[in-house]
Amino acid sequence: MEGGVPAYVNQISTIPIYHENIEARFKNYIVPVIALNFVTVIHERQMKKNAGDDKLLRQMIAAMDEGFRVLEALGYPLTPAAQASLIRKRPALMRLFIKIYHRMPIRRLVDGFVGEIVALSRVFHLWKERSRVPTPNWDVLEKRFEAKVNRS
């Protein structure tokens, strides 16, 4: 070990201790968080409805892709790249993962608070405007989300 971290720690650790571009990583994290929570609120947290609404799930996955395109247009690298790749290249598999996620009780611990999602959405809206990337699916989900939030 002499003055450092034991070698076995580096071999078994799956959690990155340092990320070269942490700003990009956080912005990439925001895209699926907002999209997932848009859908959650649209069906008033009735997860079985979310899991069964294939059209909405397809739109959510397309919106995530649009969100990543916004970040790319602003010069942010996709990180982790595998996340965007799965959404872009394997949308059916991603939809299956989302359906499973919406049926799991643990997802209640992951859901965002509406105020948090509203704030993140406002920031993302500014990024969309700066990027000038068309986001038709994102825009529809955002409007439906806002309609639900404003009704309550």
Foldseek 3Di string as FASTA:
>chain_A
DPPDDDPVCVVPDPDDPDDPCVVLVVQLVLLLLLLLQLLCLLVPNPLQVSLPPPVSLLLSLLLSLLSVVLCVLVPRDNVVPVVNCCSVVPVVVVSVVSSVLSPDPCCVVVRDDLVVSVVSVVVSVVSCVVSVRDRVSNVVSVVSSVVSVVVD
